[in-house]
């Protein structure tokens, strides 16, 4: 999601950054796999996936290229979802394996 958000919101030499149709396709496919796997570990995560899915549902990549207003709106909404998602990520401590000293 961060890749697509960066591509939609960013500019390169005063022109919108290029993004491939597959960026939106891949995101939509992920939403389908997420539901199929039935992760359901966190209600907030489920809500974020539903929200992000709603944002890109029915959005045509070419329309995003042609319509700067829609492009900015989608980028803003995906950025909002991304910031909430970043807040849900937690660094887990790694296991500390104790070994006996060699005798």
Protein backbone atom coordinates (compact mmCIF):
# COMPACT_ATOMS: atom_id res chain seq x y z
CA UNK A 1 0.00 0.00 0.00
CA UNK A 2 2.85 2.38 0.78
CA UNK A 3 4.27 1.90 -2.72
CA UNK A 4 1.00 2.84 -4.40
CA UNK A 5 0.47 5.78 -2.04
CA UNK A 6 3.95 7.10 -2.78
CA UNK A 7 3.42 6.70 -6.52
CA UNK A 8 0.06 8.47 -6.46
CA UNK A 9 1.08 11.34 -4.21
CA UNK A 10 4.61 11.98 -5.42
CA UNK A 11 5.92 14.11 -8.25
CA UNK A 12 8.99 13.68 -10.38
CA UNK A 13 10.27 16.74 -12.26
CA UNK A 14 6.90 18.43 -11.76
CA UNK A 15 5.00 15.50 -13.27
CA UNK A 16 3.07 12.78 -11.42
CA UNK A 17 5.08 9.62 -10.78
CA UNK A 18 4.43 6.64 -13.01
CA UNK A 19 2.61 3.64 -11.63
CA UNK A 20 1.65 0.39 -13.28
CA UNK A 21 -1.87 -1.00 -13.55
CA UNK A 22 -0.57 -4.00 -11.59
CA UNK A 23 -0.08 -1.83 -8.48
CA UNK A 24 -3.85 -1.51 -8.06
CA UNK A 25 -4.47 -5.08 -9.23
CA UNK A 26 -1.99 -6.46 -6.68
CA UNK A 27 -3.58 -4.48 -3.87
CA UNK A 28 -7.06 -5.71 -4.83
CA UNK A 29 -5.80 -9.30 -5.03
CA UNK A 30 -4.26 -8.93 -1.57
CA UNK A 31 -7.64 -7.86 -0.15
CA UNK A 32 -9.21 -10.99 -1.63
CA UNK A 33 -6.48 -13.23 -0.19
CA UNK A 34 -6.79 -11.52 3.19
CA UNK A 35 -10.49 -12.35 3.35
CA UNK A 36 -9.92 -15.87 2.01
CA UNK A 37 -7.26 -16.61 4.64
CA UNK A 38 -9.67 -15.36 7.29
CA UNK A 39 -6.90 -13.83 9.39
CA UNK A 40 -9.42 -12.04 11.66
CA UNK A 41 -6.87 -11.47 14.37
CA UNK A 42 -7.68 -7.82 14.98
CA UNK A 43 -10.87 -5.86 14.41
CA UNK A 44 -8.91 -2.69 13.60
CA UNK A 45 -6.91 -4.52 10.93
CA UNK A 46 -10.10 -5.91 9.42
CA UNK A 47 -11.59 -2.42 9.33
CA UNK A 48 -8.46 -0.99 7.69
CA UNK A 49 -8.48 -3.68 5.00
CA UNK A 50 -12.16 -2.98 4.33
CA UNK A 51 -11.46 0.76 4.20
CA UNK A 52 -8.51 0.39 1.81
CA UNK A 53 -10.51 -2.02 -0.34
CA UNK A 54 -13.34 0.52 -0.56
CA UNK A 55 -10.89 3.24 -1.59
CA UNK A 56 -9.56 1.36 -4.62
CA UNK A 57 -12.72 -0.57 -5.53
CA UNK A 58 -13.82 0.31 -9.03
CA UNK A 59 -10.92 2.72 -9.56
CA UNK A 60 -9.52 2.44 -13.05
CA UNK A 61 -5.73 2.97 -13.29
CA UNK A 62 -6.11 5.09 -16.43
CA UNK A 63 -8.68 7.29 -14.72
CA UNK A 64 -6.17 7.87 -11.91
CA UNK A 65 -3.61 8.95 -14.47
CA UNK A 66 -6.04 11.32 -16.21
CA UNK A 67 -7.87 12.79 -13.21
CA UNK A 68 -5.51 14.66 -10.85
CA UNK A 69 -8.29 15.31 -8.32
CA UNK A 70 -9.21 11.63 -8.03
CA UNK A 71 -5.53 10.71 -7.90
CA UNK A 72 -4.95 13.09 -4.99
CA UNK A 73 -8.09 11.92 -3.17
CA UNK A 74 -7.08 8.24 -3.43
CA UNK A 75 -3.52 9.08 -2.35
CA UNK A 76 -4.77 11.03 0.67
CA UNK A 77 -7.15 8.28 1.77
CA UNK A 78 -4.55 5.53 1.31
CA UNK A 79 -2.04 7.64 3.23
CA UNK A 80 -4.50 7.90 6.11
CA UNK A 81 -5.00 4.12 6.13
CA UNK A 82 -1.23 3.61 5.94
CA UNK A 83 -0.61 5.84 8.97
CA UNK A 84 -3.17 3.93 11.06
CA UNK A 85 -1.67 0.65 9.87
CA UNK A 86 1.80 1.82 10.86
CA UNK A 87 0.47 2.43 14.36
CA UNK A 88 -0.75 -1.17 14.58
CA UNK A 89 2.65 -2.64 13.71
CA UNK A 90 4.57 -3.83 16.71
CA UNK A 91 8.19 -4.93 16.86
CA UNK A 92 8.32 -8.23 18.63
CA UNK A 93 11.41 -9.11 20.59
CA UNK A 94 13.49 -11.89 19.13
CA UNK A 95 14.12 -15.05 21.05
CA UNK A 96 17.20 -15.12 23.11
CA UNK A 97 18.71 -18.58 22.93
CA UNK A 98 21.05 -19.40 25.78
CA UNK A 99 23.79 -21.88 25.03
CA UNK A 100 26.00 -23.61 27.48
CA UNK A 101 29.61 -22.55 27.42
CA UNK A 102 31.99 -25.12 25.99
CA UNK A 103 33.85 -27.01 28.70
